[in-house]
Protein backbone atom coordinates (compact mmCIF):
# COMPACT_ATOMS: atom_id res chain seq x y z
CA UNK A 1 80.09 8.83 216.03
CA UNK A 2 78.73 9.35 212.56
CA UNK A 3 80.70 11.41 210.10
CA UNK A 4 77.74 11.92 207.82
CA UNK A 5 79.53 10.15 205.00
CA UNK A 6 77.53 8.47 202.31
CA UNK A 7 79.41 5.21 202.77
CA UNK A 8 77.84 4.37 206.12
CA UNK A 9 74.36 5.48 205.00
CA UNK A 10 73.90 7.45 208.23
CA UNK A 11 73.22 11.15 208.41
CA UNK A 12 74.92 13.69 210.61
CA UNK A 13 72.07 13.46 213.11
CA UNK A 14 72.50 9.67 213.39
CA UNK A 15 69.33 8.69 211.54
CA UNK A 16 69.63 6.06 208.87
CA UNK A 17 68.21 6.43 205.37
CA UNK A 18 65.68 3.71 206.24
CA UNK A 19 64.18 5.89 208.96
CA UNK A 20 64.02 8.81 206.57
CA UNK A 21 62.33 6.56 204.01
CA UNK A 22 59.72 5.54 206.55
CA UNK A 23 59.10 9.14 207.54
CA UNK A 24 58.79 10.31 203.94
CA UNK A 25 56.53 7.37 203.12
CA UNK A 26 54.29 8.15 206.08
CA UNK A 27 54.16 11.84 205.18
CA UNK A 28 53.21 10.86 201.62
CA UNK A 29 49.96 9.40 202.91
CA UNK A 30 47.63 12.37 202.63
CA UNK A 31 43.99 13.10 203.28
CA UNK A 32 43.32 13.34 199.57
CA UNK A 33 43.12 10.08 197.61
CA UNK A 34 43.87 11.74 194.28
CA UNK A 35 47.15 13.07 195.66
CA UNK A 36 48.09 9.75 197.24
CA UNK A 37 47.65 8.15 193.82
CA UNK A 38 50.50 10.38 192.62
CA UNK A 39 52.76 10.23 195.65
CA UNK A 40 52.67 6.60 196.76
CA UNK A 41 53.75 5.05 193.43
CA UNK A 42 56.61 7.56 193.34
CA UNK A 43 57.67 6.65 196.87
CA UNK A 44 57.51 2.91 196.14
CA UNK A 45 59.47 3.08 192.91
CA UNK A 46 61.89 5.98 193.31
CA UNK A 47 62.47 6.97 196.94
CA UNK A 48 65.46 4.69 197.46
CA UNK A 49 67.24 6.19 194.46
CA UNK A 50 66.78 9.88 195.28
CA UNK A 51 69.81 12.05 195.89
CA UNK A 52 70.07 13.94 199.17
CA UNK A 53 69.02 17.13 197.37
CA UNK A 54 65.96 15.41 195.87
CA UNK A 55 65.02 13.97 199.26
CA UNK A 56 65.19 17.45 200.75
CA UNK A 57 63.06 18.84 197.92
CA UNK A 58 60.52 16.05 198.41
CA UNK A 59 60.38 16.73 202.16
CA UNK A 60 59.84 20.45 201.43
CA UNK A 61 57.11 19.59 198.93
CA UNK A 62 55.27 17.57 201.57
CA UNK A 63 55.12 20.63 203.81
CA UNK A 64 52.66 22.26 201.39
CA UNK A 65 48.89 22.03 201.30
CA UNK A 66 47.42 18.96 199.57
CA UNK A 67 45.50 21.03 197.03
CA UNK A 68 48.57 23.05 196.09
CA UNK A 69 50.63 19.90 195.53
CA UNK A 70 47.82 18.33 193.52
CA UNK A 71 47.45 21.39 191.29
CA UNK A 72 51.22 21.52 190.76
CA UNK A 73 51.30 17.86 189.78
CA UNK A 74 48.41 18.43 187.38
CA UNK A 75 50.35 21.30 185.82
CA UNK A 76 47.58 23.80 186.54
CA UNK A 77 49.72 25.94 188.84
CA UNK A 78 53.44 26.47 189.32
CA UNK A 79 54.98 26.59 192.81
CA UNK A 80 56.54 29.87 193.88
CA UNK A 81 59.56 27.85 195.00
CA UNK A 82 60.95 26.88 191.59
CA UNK A 83 63.36 24.43 193.22
CA UNK A 84 60.35 22.09 193.65
CA UNK A 85 59.84 21.75 189.90
CA UNK A 86 62.41 18.95 189.38
CA UNK A 87 60.89 16.75 192.10
CA UNK A 88 57.40 17.43 190.75
CA UNK A 89 58.60 16.30 187.33
CA UNK A 90 60.08 13.13 188.83
CA UNK A 91 56.74 12.37 190.50
CA UNK A 92 54.91 12.88 187.21
CA UNK A 93 57.36 10.60 185.39
CA UNK A 94 57.00 7.89 188.05
CA UNK A 95 53.29 7.88 187.34
CA UNK A 96 53.64 7.51 183.59
CA UNK A 97 56.04 4.55 183.66
């Protein structure tokens, strides 16, 4: 039985980080090319290194409408949920490197 410890890389629900990576990668593929051009480079370069809190924030971000996410990444709008701002900044930085 999994203890949820970080040493075995398995969550409390028994799913490995690799499954979560696949799910987040799949959810990053959107119906809007311009948004995918932000999200997919971030996923490829940074997803493996995200903390559990950042993964959760990224998963919450992906629950939003494509246009909202795109406008937030462009800096035109700010999300009401301010806890998304750090992950948005990480996505922006991944696209400038």
